[in-house]
Amino acid sequence: MLTRCAWVNDDPRYQAYHDNEWGVPEYDSRALFEKLCLDGQQAGLSWFTILCKIPNYRVAFADFEPAVIANFTEQDVAHLMASPKAGIVRNRLKIRSIITNARAYLAMEQAGINFSDWLWQFVGGQPVINHWPTHNDVPTFTPESQIMAKALKKRGFSFVGDTICYAFMQATGMVNDHSLDCHCRPSRVSS
């Protein structure tokens, strides 16, 4: 039997996410945009709730294509709010945040800023492998996630607080917080 991080439940979807995605370095700008938006949807909820809804989010938000999402209107927001069949968290602020974030992403792109490079600068361009003794020692935010959150907000992003940013950093492999006994723990030691 594989040993996994303590936060993983017995659901095969959660285990697959943990084993194949969480903590794996992601460098694709569009994939990072999607993950940042999804982490924002998690605010006040469990990640498992959002994980189960990712296919629905991809349908509702044009496969997270920023150029399409940026053109969503208040009518689109109202439709998503009114439709339980959409299968997303029906919170007006969270829905609007994805649209706001798409516009901010496009503004950065139009300014010649590579979103991936810009995000990875907060960890010096390479994954930080942490060595927390127990699951309870893992912080909910760090100075780096606080700096990232402020920078994202300055660029016009929303639902990007320091805790959301740290969860995002963990999920996208900017930091690796797999427990010391987890089978996904990197074997190399980071300085």
N, C-alpha and C. Protein backbone atom coordinates (compact mmCIF):
# COMPACT_ATOMS: atom_id res chain seq x y z
N MET A 1 0.84 -1.19 0.00
CA MET A 1 0.00 0.00 0.00
C MET A 1 0.88 1.25 0.00
N LEU A 2 0.52 2.22 -0.83
CA LEU A 2 1.29 3.44 -0.93
C LEU A 2 0.99 4.38 0.22
N THR A 3 2.01 5.05 0.71
CA THR A 3 1.83 6.07 1.73
C THR A 3 1.69 7.41 1.04
N ARG A 4 0.62 8.12 1.36
CA ARG A 4 0.35 9.43 0.78
C ARG A 4 0.29 10.49 1.87
N CYS A 5 0.29 11.73 1.45
CA CYS A 5 0.13 12.85 2.38
C CYS A 5 -1.18 12.67 3.16
N ALA A 6 -1.17 13.14 4.40
CA ALA A 6 -2.30 12.91 5.31
C ALA A 6 -3.61 13.54 4.84
N TRP A 7 -3.55 14.56 4.00
CA TRP A 7 -4.78 15.25 3.57
C TRP A 7 -5.55 14.51 2.49
N VAL A 8 -4.99 13.46 1.93
CA VAL A 8 -5.63 12.74 0.82
C VAL A 8 -6.64 11.73 1.37
N ASN A 9 -7.87 11.78 0.83
CA ASN A 9 -8.87 10.81 1.27
C ASN A 9 -8.82 9.55 0.39
N ASP A 10 -9.76 8.64 0.56
CA ASP A 10 -9.73 7.36 -0.14
C ASP A 10 -10.34 7.41 -1.54
N ASP A 11 -10.86 8.54 -1.94
CA ASP A 11 -11.48 8.65 -3.27
C ASP A 11 -10.40 8.52 -4.35
N PRO A 12 -10.61 7.66 -5.33
CA PRO A 12 -9.61 7.47 -6.40
C PRO A 12 -9.28 8.76 -7.15
N ARG A 13 -10.25 9.68 -7.29
CA ARG A 13 -9.97 10.96 -7.97
C ARG A 13 -8.97 11.78 -7.17
N TYR A 14 -9.15 11.78 -5.86
CA TYR A 14 -8.25 12.56 -5.00
C TYR A 14 -6.86 11.94 -4.99
N GLN A 15 -6.81 10.62 -4.93
CA GLN A 15 -5.53 9.93 -4.94
C GLN A 15 -4.80 10.16 -6.26
N ALA A 16 -5.53 10.11 -7.38
CA ALA A 16 -4.91 10.35 -8.69
C ALA A 16 -4.39 11.78 -8.78
N TYR A 17 -5.18 12.74 -8.26
CA TYR A 17 -4.74 14.13 -8.25
C TYR A 17 -3.45 14.27 -7.45
N HIS A 18 -3.44 13.70 -6.26
CA HIS A 18 -2.26 13.76 -5.41
C HIS A 18 -1.06 13.12 -6.08
N ASP A 19 -1.25 11.95 -6.64
CA ASP A 19 -0.14 11.18 -7.19
C ASP A 19 0.41 11.74 -8.50
N ASN A 20 -0.45 12.36 -9.30
CA ASN A 20 -0.05 12.74 -10.65
C ASN A 20 0.03 14.24 -10.92
N GLU A 21 -0.58 15.06 -10.06
CA GLU A 21 -0.62 16.50 -10.34
C GLU A 21 -0.03 17.36 -9.22
N TRP A 22 -0.48 17.12 -7.99
CA TRP A 22 -0.13 18.00 -6.88
C TRP A 22 1.38 17.96 -6.65
N GLY A 23 2.01 19.10 -6.69
CA GLY A 23 3.45 19.18 -6.45
C GLY A 23 4.29 18.95 -7.69
N VAL A 24 3.66 18.65 -8.82
CA VAL A 24 4.40 18.46 -10.07
C VAL A 24 4.59 19.83 -10.72
N PRO A 25 5.82 20.23 -11.01
CA PRO A 25 6.04 21.56 -11.60
C PRO A 25 5.27 21.76 -12.90
N GLU A 26 4.52 22.84 -12.94
CA GLU A 26 3.74 23.22 -14.12
C GLU A 26 4.30 24.54 -14.66
N TYR A 27 4.63 24.56 -15.94
CA TYR A 27 5.22 25.75 -16.54
C TYR A 27 4.36 26.35 -17.65
N ASP A 28 3.27 25.70 -18.00
CA ASP A 28 2.41 26.20 -19.07
C ASP A 28 1.55 27.34 -18.55
N SER A 29 1.62 28.48 -19.19
CA SER A 29 0.89 29.67 -18.71
C SER A 29 -0.61 29.45 -18.62
N ARG A 30 -1.19 28.84 -19.63
CA ARG A 30 -2.64 28.61 -19.62
C ARG A 30 -3.02 27.63 -18.51
N ALA A 31 -2.25 26.59 -18.31
CA ALA A 31 -2.53 25.64 -17.23
C ALA A 31 -2.42 26.33 -15.87
N LEU A 32 -1.44 27.21 -15.74
CA LEU A 32 -1.28 27.96 -14.49
C LEU A 32 -2.46 28.91 -14.27
N PHE A 33 -2.93 29.54 -15.34
CA PHE A 33 -4.10 30.42 -15.24
C PHE A 33 -5.31 29.62 -14.75
N GLU A 34 -5.56 28.46 -15.35
CA GLU A 34 -6.68 27.63 -14.94
C GLU A 34 -6.56 27.26 -13.47
N LYS A 35 -5.39 26.81 -13.06
CA LYS A 35 -5.21 26.37 -11.68
C LYS A 35 -5.38 27.52 -10.69
N LEU A 36 -4.88 28.70 -11.06
CA LEU A 36 -5.05 29.85 -10.17
C LEU A 36 -6.54 30.17 -10.00
N CYS A 37 -7.28 30.14 -11.10
CA CYS A 37 -8.73 30.40 -11.02
C CYS A 37 -9.43 29.34 -10.17
N LEU A 38 -9.07 28.09 -10.38
CA LEU A 38 -9.71 27.02 -9.61
C LEU A 38 -9.37 27.11 -8.13
N ASP A 39 -8.13 27.46 -7.82
CA ASP A 39 -7.78 27.61 -6.40
C ASP A 39 -8.58 28.74 -5.77
N GLY A 40 -8.88 29.77 -6.52
CA GLY A 40 -9.73 30.85 -6.02
C GLY A 40 -11.14 30.37 -5.73
N GLN A 41 -11.61 29.41 -6.52
CA GLN A 41 -12.96 28.86 -6.30
C GLN A 41 -13.03 28.07 -5.00
N GLN A 42 -11.88 27.61 -4.54
CA GLN A 42 -11.81 26.79 -3.32
C GLN A 42 -12.07 27.61 -2.06
N ALA A 43 -11.89 28.91 -2.11
CA ALA A 43 -12.01 29.74 -0.90
C ALA A 43 -13.25 29.36 -0.09
N GLY A 44 -13.03 28.94 1.14
CA GLY A 44 -14.12 28.57 2.04
C GLY A 44 -14.64 27.16 1.84
N LEU A 45 -14.07 26.44 0.89
CA LEU A 45 -14.51 25.08 0.58
C LEU A 45 -13.32 24.13 0.63
N SER A 46 -13.58 22.86 0.48
CA SER A 46 -12.47 21.90 0.40
C SER A 46 -12.00 21.81 -1.04
N TRP A 47 -10.73 21.50 -1.24
CA TRP A 47 -10.23 21.33 -2.60
C TRP A 47 -10.95 20.17 -3.28
N PHE A 48 -11.30 19.15 -2.54
CA PHE A 48 -11.98 17.99 -3.12
C PHE A 48 -13.28 18.40 -3.79
N THR A 49 -14.00 19.35 -3.19
CA THR A 49 -15.24 19.85 -3.79
C THR A 49 -14.98 20.42 -5.18
N ILE A 50 -13.94 21.23 -5.29
CA ILE A 50 -13.60 21.85 -6.58
C ILE A 50 -13.05 20.79 -7.54
N LEU A 51 -12.20 19.92 -7.05
CA LEU A 51 -11.63 18.87 -7.90
C LEU A 51 -12.73 18.09 -8.63
N CYS A 52 -13.79 17.76 -7.92
CA CYS A 52 -14.88 16.99 -8.51
C CYS A 52 -15.65 17.80 -9.56
N LYS A 53 -15.53 19.11 -9.51
CA LYS A 53 -16.26 19.98 -10.43
C LYS A 53 -15.40 20.50 -11.60
N ILE A 54 -14.13 20.13 -11.66
CA ILE A 54 -13.25 20.68 -12.71
C ILE A 54 -13.81 20.46 -14.11
N PRO A 55 -14.32 19.27 -14.46
CA PRO A 55 -14.87 19.14 -15.82
C PRO A 55 -16.00 20.14 -16.10
N ASN A 56 -16.83 20.40 -15.09
CA ASN A 56 -17.92 21.37 -15.25
C ASN A 56 -17.38 22.79 -15.43
N TYR A 57 -16.34 23.13 -14.66
CA TYR A 57 -15.73 24.44 -14.81
C TYR A 57 -15.15 24.62 -16.21
N ARG A 58 -14.54 23.59 -16.73
CA ARG A 58 -13.95 23.68 -18.08
C ARG A 58 -15.03 23.92 -19.13
N VAL A 59 -16.18 23.30 -18.98
CA VAL A 59 -17.29 23.55 -19.91
C VAL A 59 -17.83 24.96 -19.71
N ALA A 60 -18.08 25.34 -18.47
CA ALA A 60 -18.68 26.65 -18.17
C ALA A 60 -17.77 27.81 -18.56
N PHE A 61 -16.46 27.59 -18.49
CA PHE A 61 -15.51 28.69 -18.76
C PHE A 61 -14.61 28.40 -19.96
N ALA A 62 -15.22 27.86 -21.03
CA ALA A 62 -14.56 27.75 -22.34
C ALA A 62 -13.17 27.14 -22.24
N ASP A 63 -13.04 26.08 -21.47
CA ASP A 63 -11.76 25.39 -21.29
C ASP A 63 -10.66 26.34 -20.80
N PHE A 64 -11.09 27.33 -20.04
CA PHE A 64 -10.18 28.33 -19.45
C PHE A 64 -9.35 29.06 -20.51
N GLU A 65 -10.00 29.38 -21.62
CA GLU A 65 -9.37 30.20 -22.67
C GLU A 65 -9.59 31.66 -22.28
N PRO A 66 -8.52 32.36 -21.83
CA PRO A 66 -8.69 33.73 -21.34
C PRO A 66 -9.36 34.67 -22.34
N ALA A 67 -9.04 34.56 -23.62
CA ALA A 67 -9.61 35.47 -24.62
C ALA A 67 -11.12 35.31 -24.73
N VAL A 68 -11.63 34.11 -24.50
CA VAL A 68 -13.07 33.87 -24.54
C VAL A 68 -13.71 34.36 -23.24
N ILE A 69 -13.12 33.97 -22.13
CA ILE A 69 -13.68 34.34 -20.82
C ILE A 69 -13.73 35.86 -20.64
N ALA A 70 -12.74 36.55 -21.13
CA ALA A 70 -12.68 38.02 -20.97
C ALA A 70 -13.88 38.70 -21.58
N ASN A 71 -14.54 38.04 -22.52
CA ASN A 71 -15.72 38.63 -23.17
C ASN A 71 -17.03 38.22 -22.52
N PHE A 72 -16.98 37.46 -21.42
CA PHE A 72 -18.20 37.11 -20.70
C PHE A 72 -18.86 38.40 -20.21
N THR A 73 -20.18 38.39 -20.23
CA THR A 73 -20.96 39.56 -19.80
C THR A 73 -21.70 39.25 -18.50
N GLU A 74 -22.39 40.24 -17.99
CA GLU A 74 -23.22 40.03 -16.81
C GLU A 74 -24.33 39.03 -17.10
N GLN A 75 -24.76 38.96 -18.36
CA GLN A 75 -25.76 37.96 -18.75
C GLN A 75 -25.18 36.55 -18.61
N ASP A 76 -23.91 36.39 -18.96
CA ASP A 76 -23.25 35.09 -18.79
C ASP A 76 -23.15 34.73 -17.31
N VAL A 77 -22.81 35.72 -16.50
CA VAL A 77 -22.72 35.50 -15.05
C VAL A 77 -24.09 35.08 -14.51
N ALA A 78 -25.13 35.79 -14.92
CA ALA A 78 -26.49 35.48 -14.46
C ALA A 78 -26.89 34.06 -14.89
N HIS A 79 -26.54 33.68 -16.10
CA HIS A 79 -26.86 32.33 -16.58
C HIS A 79 -26.17 31.27 -15.72
N LEU A 80 -24.88 31.47 -15.42
CA LEU A 80 -24.14 30.51 -14.60
C LEU A 80 -24.70 30.47 -13.18
N MET A 81 -25.11 31.61 -12.66
CA MET A 81 -25.70 31.65 -11.32
C MET A 81 -27.03 30.91 -11.27
N ALA A 82 -27.80 30.99 -12.34
CA ALA A 82 -29.16 30.43 -12.35
C ALA A 82 -29.19 28.95 -12.72
N SER A 83 -28.09 28.43 -13.21
CA SER A 83 -28.10 27.08 -13.75
C SER A 83 -27.45 26.06 -12.83
N PRO A 84 -28.27 25.29 -12.07
CA PRO A 84 -27.67 24.25 -11.24
C PRO A 84 -27.00 23.17 -12.10
N LYS A 85 -27.42 23.05 -13.36
CA LYS A 85 -26.83 22.05 -14.25
C LYS A 85 -25.40 22.42 -14.65
N ALA A 86 -25.00 23.66 -14.43
CA ALA A 86 -23.63 24.07 -14.77
C ALA A 86 -22.63 23.27 -13.92
N GLY A 87 -23.04 22.91 -12.72
CA GLY A 87 -22.20 22.06 -11.87
C GLY A 87 -20.97 22.75 -11.31
N ILE A 88 -21.07 24.07 -11.14
CA ILE A 88 -19.98 24.83 -10.53
C ILE A 88 -20.48 25.44 -9.23
N VAL A 89 -19.58 26.04 -8.48
CA VAL A 89 -19.98 26.77 -7.28
C VAL A 89 -20.67 28.05 -7.75
N ARG A 90 -21.94 28.18 -7.40
CA ARG A 90 -22.71 29.33 -7.87
C ARG A 90 -22.59 30.48 -6.88
N ASN A 91 -21.46 31.13 -6.96
CA ASN A 91 -21.15 32.30 -6.14
C ASN A 91 -20.78 33.41 -7.11
N ARG A 92 -21.57 34.46 -7.12
CA ARG A 92 -21.39 35.55 -8.10
C ARG A 92 -19.97 36.13 -8.07
N LEU A 93 -19.44 36.36 -6.88
CA LEU A 93 -18.09 36.93 -6.78
C LEU A 93 -17.04 35.99 -7.35
N LYS A 94 -17.20 34.70 -7.09
CA LYS A 94 -16.24 33.73 -7.60
C LYS A 94 -16.34 33.59 -9.12
N ILE A 95 -17.54 33.60 -9.64
CA ILE A 95 -17.72 33.54 -11.10
C ILE A 95 -17.09 34.77 -11.74
N ARG A 96 -17.40 35.93 -11.20
CA ARG A 96 -16.82 37.17 -11.75
C ARG A 96 -15.30 37.17 -11.64
N SER A 97 -14.76 36.55 -10.60
CA SER A 97 -13.31 36.56 -10.42
C SER A 97 -12.59 35.87 -11.59
N ILE A 98 -13.20 34.81 -12.13
CA ILE A 98 -12.58 34.13 -13.27
C ILE A 98 -12.54 35.07 -14.48
N ILE A 99 -13.60 35.84 -14.66
CA ILE A 99 -13.64 36.80 -15.77
C ILE A 99 -12.62 37.90 -15.54
N THR A 100 -12.57 38.42 -14.33
CA THR A 100 -11.59 39.45 -13.97
C THR A 100 -10.17 38.94 -14.19
N ASN A 101 -9.92 37.71 -13.77
CA ASN A 101 -8.58 37.13 -13.91
C ASN A 101 -8.21 36.93 -15.37
N ALA A 102 -9.18 36.55 -16.20
CA ALA A 102 -8.90 36.40 -17.63
C ALA A 102 -8.48 37.74 -18.23
N ARG A 103 -9.14 38.79 -17.84
CA ARG A 103 -8.80 40.13 -18.35
C ARG A 103 -7.42 40.56 -17.86
N ALA A 104 -7.11 40.25 -16.61
CA ALA A 104 -5.78 40.59 -16.06
C ALA A 104 -4.69 39.78 -16.76
N TYR A 105 -4.96 38.51 -17.01
CA TYR A 105 -4.02 37.63 -17.72
C TYR A 105 -3.74 38.19 -19.11
N LEU A 106 -4.79 38.57 -19.83
CA LEU A 106 -4.62 39.11 -21.18
C LEU A 106 -3.86 40.43 -21.16
N ALA A 107 -4.10 41.26 -20.15
CA ALA A 107 -3.37 42.52 -20.04
C ALA A 107 -1.88 42.26 -19.87
N MET A 108 -1.53 41.27 -19.08
CA MET A 108 -0.11 40.91 -18.91
C MET A 108 0.47 40.40 -20.22
N GLU A 109 -0.29 39.54 -20.88
CA GLU A 109 0.16 38.98 -22.16
C GLU A 109 0.38 40.10 -23.18
N GLN A 110 -0.56 41.04 -23.23
CA GLN A 110 -0.44 42.16 -24.17
C GLN A 110 0.73 43.06 -23.84
N ALA A 111 1.13 43.07 -22.57
CA ALA A 111 2.29 43.86 -22.15
C ALA A 111 3.60 43.09 -22.37
N GLY A 112 3.49 41.90 -22.95
CA GLY A 112 4.69 41.10 -23.23
C GLY A 112 5.22 40.31 -22.05
N ILE A 113 4.38 40.11 -21.04
CA ILE A 113 4.80 39.38 -19.84
C ILE A 113 4.38 37.93 -19.96
N ASN A 114 5.32 37.03 -19.85
CA ASN A 114 5.02 35.61 -19.84
C ASN A 114 4.51 35.24 -18.45
N PHE A 115 3.27 34.79 -18.38
CA PHE A 115 2.62 34.52 -17.10
C PHE A 115 3.39 33.48 -16.29
N SER A 116 3.83 32.43 -16.94
CA SER A 116 4.57 31.37 -16.25
C SER A 116 5.87 31.91 -15.66
N ASP A 117 6.66 32.57 -16.46
CA ASP A 117 7.93 33.14 -15.97
C ASP A 117 7.68 34.10 -14.82
N TRP A 118 6.64 34.91 -14.97
CA TRP A 118 6.33 35.91 -13.94
C TRP A 118 5.97 35.23 -12.62
N LEU A 119 5.15 34.17 -12.68
CA LEU A 119 4.77 33.47 -11.45
C LEU A 119 5.96 32.74 -10.82
N TRP A 120 6.75 32.08 -11.65
CA TRP A 120 7.86 31.29 -11.13
C TRP A 120 8.96 32.15 -10.51
N GLN A 121 8.97 33.44 -10.82
CA GLN A 121 9.98 34.31 -10.22
C GLN A 121 9.85 34.36 -8.69
N PHE A 122 8.65 34.09 -8.19
CA PHE A 122 8.44 34.19 -6.74
C PHE A 122 9.13 33.07 -5.97
N VAL A 123 9.58 32.04 -6.67
CA VAL A 123 10.35 30.95 -6.04
C VAL A 123 11.72 30.82 -6.71
N GLY A 124 12.16 31.87 -7.37
CA GLY A 124 13.48 31.85 -7.99
C GLY A 124 13.57 30.98 -9.23
N GLY A 125 12.43 30.64 -9.83
CA GLY A 125 12.42 29.91 -11.08
C GLY A 125 12.51 28.40 -10.98
N GLN A 126 12.62 27.88 -9.76
CA GLN A 126 12.69 26.42 -9.61
C GLN A 126 11.96 25.99 -8.35
N PRO A 127 11.49 24.74 -8.33
CA PRO A 127 10.73 24.27 -7.17
C PRO A 127 11.52 24.34 -5.87
N VAL A 128 10.82 24.71 -4.83
CA VAL A 128 11.37 24.69 -3.48
C VAL A 128 10.85 23.42 -2.83
N ILE A 129 11.75 22.57 -2.39
CA ILE A 129 11.35 21.32 -1.75
C ILE A 129 11.47 21.50 -0.24
N ASN A 130 10.31 21.52 0.40
CA ASN A 130 10.28 21.72 1.85
C ASN A 130 10.42 20.40 2.59
N HIS A 131 10.76 20.50 3.85
CA HIS A 131 11.01 19.32 4.69
C HIS A 131 10.25 19.46 6.01
N TRP A 132 8.94 19.60 5.92
CA TRP A 132 8.15 19.77 7.13
C TRP A 132 8.08 18.46 7.89
N PRO A 133 8.35 18.47 9.20
CA PRO A 133 8.34 17.22 9.99
C PRO A 133 6.99 16.51 9.99
N THR A 134 5.89 17.29 10.06
CA THR A 134 4.56 16.68 10.07
C THR A 134 3.63 17.53 9.21
N HIS A 135 2.48 16.97 8.90
CA HIS A 135 1.45 17.69 8.14
C HIS A 135 1.04 18.98 8.85
N ASN A 136 1.02 18.94 10.18
CA ASN A 136 0.62 20.12 10.95
C ASN A 136 1.65 21.25 10.89
N ASP A 137 2.87 20.94 10.46
CA ASP A 137 3.90 21.97 10.36
C ASP A 137 3.84 22.77 9.05
N VAL A 138 3.10 22.26 8.07
CA VAL A 138 3.01 22.94 6.78
C VAL A 138 2.23 24.23 6.98
N PRO A 139 2.79 25.36 6.57
CA PRO A 139 2.09 26.64 6.76
C PRO A 139 0.92 26.80 5.79
N THR A 140 0.03 27.71 6.10
CA THR A 140 -1.06 28.02 5.17
C THR A 140 -0.67 29.13 4.21
N PHE A 141 0.37 29.87 4.57
CA PHE A 141 0.93 30.87 3.67
C PHE A 141 2.37 31.10 4.06
N THR A 142 3.12 31.74 3.17
CA THR A 142 4.53 32.02 3.40
C THR A 142 4.81 33.46 2.96
N PRO A 143 5.97 33.99 3.28
CA PRO A 143 6.30 35.33 2.77
C PRO A 143 6.22 35.39 1.23
N GLU A 144 6.62 34.30 0.57
CA GLU A 144 6.57 34.27 -0.89
C GLU A 144 5.13 34.31 -1.40
N SER A 145 4.24 33.59 -0.74
CA SER A 145 2.84 33.60 -1.19
C SER A 145 2.19 34.96 -0.89
N GLN A 146 2.64 35.62 0.18
CA GLN A 146 2.13 36.96 0.46
C GLN A 146 2.58 37.94 -0.62
N ILE A 147 3.82 37.83 -1.04
CA ILE A 147 4.35 38.72 -2.08
C ILE A 147 3.63 38.43 -3.40
N MET A 148 3.44 37.14 -3.72
CA MET A 148 2.73 36.78 -4.95
C MET A 148 1.30 37.33 -4.94
N ALA A 149 0.61 37.18 -3.82
CA ALA A 149 -0.77 37.66 -3.71
C ALA A 149 -0.84 39.16 -3.95
N LYS A 150 0.06 39.91 -3.33
CA LYS A 150 0.06 41.37 -3.53
C LYS A 150 0.34 41.72 -4.98
N ALA A 151 1.27 41.02 -5.59
CA ALA A 151 1.63 41.30 -6.99
C ALA A 151 0.48 40.96 -7.93
N LEU A 152 -0.20 39.84 -7.68
CA LEU A 152 -1.35 39.47 -8.51
C LEU A 152 -2.48 40.49 -8.36
N LYS A 153 -2.74 40.90 -7.14
CA LYS A 153 -3.80 41.90 -6.92
C LYS A 153 -3.45 43.21 -7.62
N LYS A 154 -2.19 43.59 -7.57
CA LYS A 154 -1.74 44.81 -8.24
C LYS A 154 -1.96 44.71 -9.75
N ARG A 155 -1.86 43.49 -10.28
CA ARG A 155 -2.07 43.26 -11.71
C ARG A 155 -3.55 43.13 -12.06
N GLY A 156 -4.44 43.15 -11.05
CA GLY A 156 -5.87 43.12 -11.30
C GLY A 156 -6.56 41.80 -11.05
N PHE A 157 -5.85 40.81 -10.52
CA PHE A 157 -6.44 39.51 -10.24
C PHE A 157 -7.25 39.57 -8.95
N SER A 158 -8.23 38.67 -8.83
CA SER A 158 -9.02 38.59 -7.60
C SER A 158 -9.09 37.14 -7.12
N PHE A 159 -9.50 36.98 -5.87
CA PHE A 159 -9.50 35.68 -5.18
C PHE A 159 -8.10 35.08 -5.23
N VAL A 160 -7.13 35.91 -4.87
CA VAL A 160 -5.73 35.50 -4.87
C VAL A 160 -5.05 35.94 -3.58
N GLY A 161 -5.65 35.62 -2.45
CA GLY A 161 -5.05 35.94 -1.17
C GLY A 161 -3.82 35.08 -0.91
N ASP A 162 -3.12 35.37 0.17
CA ASP A 162 -1.87 34.66 0.44
C ASP A 162 -2.06 33.16 0.68
N THR A 163 -3.19 32.75 1.28
CA THR A 163 -3.45 31.33 1.49
C THR A 163 -3.78 30.64 0.16
N ILE A 164 -4.60 31.28 -0.66
CA ILE A 164 -4.90 30.73 -1.99
C ILE A 164 -3.62 30.62 -2.80
N CYS A 165 -2.78 31.63 -2.73
CA CYS A 165 -1.52 31.59 -3.49
C CYS A 165 -0.61 30.47 -3.01
N TYR A 166 -0.60 30.22 -1.70
CA TYR A 166 0.26 29.13 -1.24
C TYR A 166 -0.29 27.78 -1.70
N ALA A 167 -1.60 27.60 -1.65
CA ALA A 167 -2.20 26.36 -2.16
C ALA A 167 -1.88 26.20 -3.65
N PHE A 168 -1.94 27.30 -4.37
CA PHE A 168 -1.59 27.30 -5.80
C PHE A 168 -0.12 26.92 -6.00
N MET A 169 0.75 27.48 -5.20
CA MET A 169 2.18 27.17 -5.30
C MET A 169 2.44 25.69 -5.02
N GLN A 170 1.74 25.14 -4.05
CA GLN A 170 1.87 23.71 -3.74
C GLN A 170 1.36 22.87 -4.91
N ALA A 171 0.18 23.21 -5.40
CA ALA A 171 -0.46 22.42 -6.44
C ALA A 171 0.34 22.40 -7.73
N THR A 172 0.99 23.51 -8.04
CA THR A 172 1.70 23.64 -9.32
C THR A 172 3.19 23.33 -9.19
N GLY A 173 3.60 22.82 -8.05
CA GLY A 173 4.98 22.38 -7.89
C GLY A 173 5.99 23.49 -7.69
N MET A 174 5.52 24.71 -7.47
CA MET A 174 6.46 25.79 -7.15
C MET A 174 7.11 25.51 -5.80
N VAL A 175 6.31 24.93 -4.92
CA VAL A 175 6.84 24.39 -3.68
C VAL A 175 6.38 22.94 -3.61
N ASN A 176 7.19 22.09 -3.05
CA ASN A 176 6.82 20.69 -2.91
C ASN A 176 6.69 20.40 -1.43
N ASP A 177 5.47 20.18 -1.01
CA ASP A 177 5.17 19.92 0.40
C ASP A 177 4.70 18.50 0.64
N HIS A 178 5.06 17.56 -0.25
CA HIS A 178 4.73 16.16 0.04
C HIS A 178 5.40 15.78 1.36
N SER A 179 4.67 15.04 2.18
CA SER A 179 5.21 14.65 3.48
C SER A 179 6.46 13.79 3.31
N LEU A 180 7.26 13.75 4.35
CA LEU A 180 8.54 13.05 4.29
C LEU A 180 8.38 11.56 3.97
N ASP A 181 7.23 10.98 4.34
CA ASP A 181 7.01 9.55 4.09
C ASP A 181 6.15 9.28 2.85
N CYS A 182 5.76 10.31 2.14
CA CYS A 182 4.88 10.17 0.97
C CYS A 182 5.64 9.55 -0.20
N HIS A 183 4.98 8.67 -0.92
CA HIS A 183 5.64 8.01 -2.06
C HIS A 183 5.92 8.99 -3.20
N CYS A 184 5.32 10.17 -3.17
CA CYS A 184 5.56 11.19 -4.21
C CYS A 184 6.67 12.16 -3.84
N ARG A 185 7.23 11.98 -2.70
CA ARG A 185 8.30 12.89 -2.24
C ARG A 185 9.49 12.81 -3.18
N PRO A 186 9.99 13.98 -3.62
CA PRO A 186 11.18 13.96 -4.49
C PRO A 186 12.36 13.34 -3.77
N SER A 187 13.14 12.57 -4.50
CA SER A 187 14.28 11.91 -3.88
C SER A 187 15.49 12.83 -3.77
N ARG A 188 15.52 13.86 -4.63
CA ARG A 188 16.65 14.79 -4.56
C ARG A 188 16.40 15.83 -3.48
N VAL A 189 17.47 16.37 -2.96
CA VAL A 189 17.38 17.37 -1.90
C VAL A 189 17.64 18.73 -2.50
N SER A 190 16.74 19.67 -2.17
CA SER A 190 16.86 21.04 -2.68
C SER A 190 17.62 21.89 -1.67
N SER A 191 18.34 22.84 -2.18
CA SER A 191 19.04 23.75 -1.27
C SER A 191 18.19 24.94 -0.93
